Amino acid sequence: MIMQELFKQLIKDEIAPLFKENGFKKKGNNFAKTLSDFAWTVNFPSSKWNTKEEVEFTINTGIFTDKLFGIGYREEPPKFPTEINSVLRHRISKLKKEEDYWYKINLSSDLEKVKQEVSSDIESLVFPYFEKFQTIEDVMQEMKREESQDSNSDLELTILYQAYGYNKEAQERIIKTYNEASYKPYIREVADQLNLSIE
């Protein structure tokens, strides 16, 4: 059997039921569970280097909110929340605290072992990680924490602050972002859309 078929079978028989039991909906290799203000999102991308003999795939997680569309993202929000359009996007590697991690299916693979590892990682790492995010405040707090680690001001967080009534924080952030920006017209435009001042 071509390894790509085994990967599809793994998604269908092992992974999809696990997500369904936990309230997620499925579209292709994307899964999403919608809460009141956002959605938990998961994607299972496969490597572009895959062959008939070997398939590598990984797990990406994210938090989707439609509040970023129209201002931050210049488009309509997709009908199905996707990881690629999310914030706090993290690969399973981060949750496993390892280097870039990919699961492998090839002719010498113990398929049962692969299934067990993927299922275990979803249940013991992915679901508990998502449980940290019950409110939009949880999401914004984590965005702020991660931002402080790489010192880049996050325009997405500014938009969310304004959308959820944290006007003082949004105002302070847009001024800081504008002062640090190399391309200021876009920041000015976003500030106008958010009814914020950059003066």
Protein backbone atom coordinates (compact mmCIF):
# COMPACT_ATOMS: atom_id res chain seq x y z
CA MET A 1 0.00 0.00 0.00
CA ILE A 2 1.19 3.54 -0.76
CA MET A 3 2.20 5.25 2.50
CA GLN A 4 -0.01 8.27 1.74
CA GLU A 5 -3.02 5.95 1.87
CA LEU A 6 -1.92 4.68 5.28
CA PHE A 7 -1.65 8.28 6.48
CA LYS A 8 -5.21 9.02 5.28
CA GLN A 9 -6.39 5.86 7.00
CA LEU A 10 -4.68 6.91 10.21
CA ILE A 11 -6.49 10.26 10.13
CA LYS A 12 -9.84 8.61 9.40
CA ASP A 13 -9.67 5.65 11.79
CA GLU A 14 -7.60 6.89 14.72
CA ILE A 15 -7.30 10.66 14.79
CA ALA A 16 -10.73 11.86 13.63
CA PRO A 17 -12.68 9.77 16.21
CA LEU A 18 -10.44 11.09 18.98
CA PHE A 19 -11.16 14.69 18.05
CA LYS A 20 -14.87 14.01 17.53
CA GLU A 21 -15.14 12.57 21.05
CA ASN A 22 -13.69 15.84 22.34
CA GLY A 23 -16.09 18.12 20.49
CA PHE A 24 -14.00 18.99 17.43
CA LYS A 25 -15.32 19.19 13.87
CA LYS A 26 -13.29 18.08 10.86
CA LYS A 27 -12.55 19.47 7.42
CA GLY A 28 -9.83 17.66 5.49
CA ASN A 29 -6.84 17.38 7.82
CA ASN A 30 -8.11 20.31 9.91
CA PHE A 31 -9.94 20.05 13.22
CA ALA A 32 -11.60 22.84 15.19
CA LYS A 33 -13.56 23.19 18.41
CA THR A 34 -15.45 26.47 18.69
CA LEU A 35 -15.78 28.19 22.06
CA SER A 36 -17.66 31.44 22.69
CA ASP A 37 -15.00 33.90 21.41
CA PHE A 38 -12.49 31.71 19.60
CA ALA A 39 -11.71 28.19 18.42
CA TRP A 40 -9.03 25.63 19.17
CA THR A 41 -7.52 24.55 15.84
CA VAL A 42 -5.37 21.62 14.77
CA ASN A 43 -3.83 20.67 11.43
CA PHE A 44 -1.90 17.58 10.32
CA PRO A 45 0.46 18.74 7.55
CA SER A 46 2.53 16.19 5.69
CA SER A 47 6.04 16.82 4.41
CA LYS A 48 6.55 18.06 0.86
CA TRP A 49 9.38 15.52 0.62
CA ASN A 50 7.05 12.55 1.07
CA THR A 51 7.36 9.59 -1.31
CA LYS A 52 5.35 6.44 -2.00
CA GLU A 53 7.67 4.61 0.41
CA GLU A 54 7.68 7.11 3.27
CA VAL A 55 5.35 9.73 4.71
CA GLU A 56 6.26 12.23 7.40
CA PHE A 57 3.62 14.36 9.12
CA THR A 58 3.36 16.56 12.17
CA ILE A 59 0.73 18.32 14.31
CA ASN A 60 0.16 22.09 14.34
CA THR A 61 -2.05 23.84 16.89
CA GLY A 62 -3.51 27.34 17.02
CA ILE A 63 -6.19 29.63 18.42
CA PHE A 64 -8.56 31.14 15.85
CA THR A 65 -10.56 34.33 16.32
CA ASP A 66 -12.57 36.08 13.60
CA LYS A 67 -11.96 39.46 15.31
CA LEU A 68 -8.64 39.73 13.42
CA PHE A 69 -10.26 39.57 10.00
CA GLY A 70 -11.01 42.73 8.06
CA ILE A 71 -8.41 44.73 10.02
CA GLY A 72 -5.41 42.54 10.79
CA TYR A 73 -6.11 40.06 8.01
CA ARG A 74 -7.43 41.84 4.91
CA GLU A 75 -10.03 39.21 4.05
CA GLU A 76 -13.26 37.62 5.17
CA PRO A 77 -12.89 34.97 7.89
CA PRO A 78 -13.10 31.39 6.61
CA LYS A 79 -16.29 29.52 7.45
CA PHE A 80 -14.21 26.77 9.07
CA PRO A 81 -11.61 27.92 11.63
CA THR A 82 -8.14 26.84 10.49
CA GLU A 83 -4.76 26.66 12.18
CA ILE A 84 -3.05 28.61 9.39
CA ASN A 85 -5.32 31.60 10.18
CA SER A 86 -4.73 31.34 13.92
CA VAL A 87 -2.64 33.03 16.59
CA LEU A 88 -0.47 31.15 19.12
CA ARG A 89 0.47 28.69 16.38
CA HIS A 90 2.64 25.92 17.72
CA ARG A 91 3.92 22.65 16.39
CA ILE A 92 3.79 19.48 18.48
CA SER A 93 7.57 19.88 18.88
CA LYS A 94 7.01 22.80 21.25
CA LEU A 95 4.55 20.81 23.33
CA LYS A 96 6.94 17.84 23.37
CA LYS A 97 9.86 20.21 24.14
CA GLU A 98 11.84 18.72 21.27
CA GLU A 99 13.39 19.85 18.01
CA ASP A 100 11.14 19.98 14.94
CA TYR A 101 9.25 16.71 15.33
CA TRP A 102 7.74 14.58 12.54
CA TYR A 103 6.00 11.22 12.74
CA LYS A 104 7.07 8.68 10.10
CA ILE A 105 5.26 5.92 8.25
CA ASN A 106 7.39 3.74 5.99
CA LEU A 107 7.73 0.12 4.96
CA SER A 108 9.56 -0.79 8.15
CA SER A 109 7.24 1.16 10.51
CA ASP A 110 5.34 -0.51 13.31
CA LEU A 111 2.02 1.12 12.40
CA GLU A 112 0.43 0.29 15.76
CA LYS A 113 3.30 2.04 17.52
CA VAL A 114 2.86 5.14 15.33
CA LYS A 115 -0.89 5.17 16.04
CA GLN A 116 -0.26 4.88 19.77
CA GLU A 117 2.31 7.67 19.77
CA VAL A 118 0.10 10.08 17.82
CA SER A 119 -2.97 9.30 19.94
CA SER A 120 -0.97 9.62 23.14
CA ASP A 121 0.49 12.99 22.09
CA ILE A 122 -2.97 14.31 21.23
CA GLU A 123 -4.47 13.18 24.52
CA SER A 124 -1.57 13.99 26.83
CA LEU A 125 -0.20 17.15 25.15
CA VAL A 126 -2.60 18.78 22.66
CA PHE A 127 -5.86 18.58 24.65
CA PRO A 128 -4.28 19.66 27.97
CA TYR A 129 -2.57 22.56 26.17
CA PHE A 130 -5.90 23.76 24.80
CA GLU A 131 -7.55 23.48 28.21
CA LYS A 132 -5.45 26.48 29.30
CA PHE A 133 -7.55 28.63 26.96
CA GLN A 134 -11.09 28.92 28.27
CA THR A 135 -11.59 32.68 27.82
CA ILE A 136 -10.32 35.29 25.37
CA GLU A 137 -8.42 36.79 28.32
CA ASP A 138 -6.49 33.51 28.63
CA VAL A 139 -5.57 33.81 24.95
CA MET A 140 -4.47 37.44 25.20
CA GLN A 141 -2.46 36.77 28.34
CA GLU A 142 -0.54 33.97 26.60
CA MET A 143 0.01 36.15 23.52
CA LYS A 144 1.46 38.86 25.77
CA ARG A 145 3.68 36.34 27.56
CA GLU A 146 5.07 34.98 24.29
CA GLU A 147 5.51 38.47 22.92
CA SER A 148 7.67 39.41 25.90
CA GLN A 149 9.99 36.52 25.07
CA ASP A 150 10.77 37.69 21.54
CA SER A 151 10.30 41.44 22.23
CA ASN A 152 8.31 42.07 19.04
CA SER A 153 5.14 44.10 19.46
CA ASP A 154 2.20 42.07 18.20
CA LEU A 155 -0.37 44.01 16.18
CA GLU A 156 -2.82 41.10 16.48
CA LEU A 157 -2.85 41.48 20.25
CA THR A 158 -3.50 45.22 19.92
CA ILE A 159 -6.52 44.48 17.71
CA LEU A 160 -7.87 41.96 20.22
CA TYR A 161 -7.37 44.37 23.13
CA GLN A 162 -9.43 47.00 21.30
CA ALA A 163 -12.07 44.48 20.18
CA TYR A 164 -12.66 43.32 23.75
CA GLY A 165 -12.72 46.74 25.39
CA TYR A 166 -9.16 46.99 26.71
CA ASN A 167 -8.84 50.43 25.16
CA LYS A 168 -6.03 51.76 27.36
CA GLU A 169 -3.80 48.76 26.59
CA ALA A 170 -4.65 48.98 22.88
CA GLN A 171 -3.83 52.70 22.78
CA GLU A 172 -0.48 52.26 24.51
CA ARG A 173 0.45 49.38 22.23
CA ILE A 174 -0.43 51.09 18.93
CA ILE A 175 1.75 54.09 19.82
CA LYS A 176 4.67 51.80 20.71
CA THR A 177 4.20 49.79 17.50
CA TYR A 178 3.98 52.95 15.38
CA ASN A 179 7.14 54.41 16.93
CA GLU A 180 9.07 51.18 16.31
CA ALA A 181 7.66 50.42 12.83
CA SER A 182 9.80 50.73 9.73
CA TYR A 183 6.64 51.03 7.58
CA LYS A 184 4.37 53.47 9.37
CA PRO A 185 1.47 54.01 6.88
CA TYR A 186 0.06 50.52 7.54
CA ILE A 187 0.16 51.04 11.32
CA ARG A 188 -1.56 54.40 10.87
CA GLU A 189 -4.26 52.74 8.78
CA VAL A 190 -4.86 50.06 11.41
CA ALA A 191 -4.97 52.73 14.14
CA ASP A 192 -7.64 54.62 12.15
CA GLN A 193 -9.72 51.47 11.74
CA LEU A 194 -9.49 50.81 15.47
CA ASN A 195 -10.26 54.45 16.36
CA LEU A 196 -6.89 54.75 18.10
CA SER A 197 -4.53 57.71 18.09
CA ILE A 198 -0.84 57.44 17.20
CA GLU A 199 -0.01 60.91 18.49
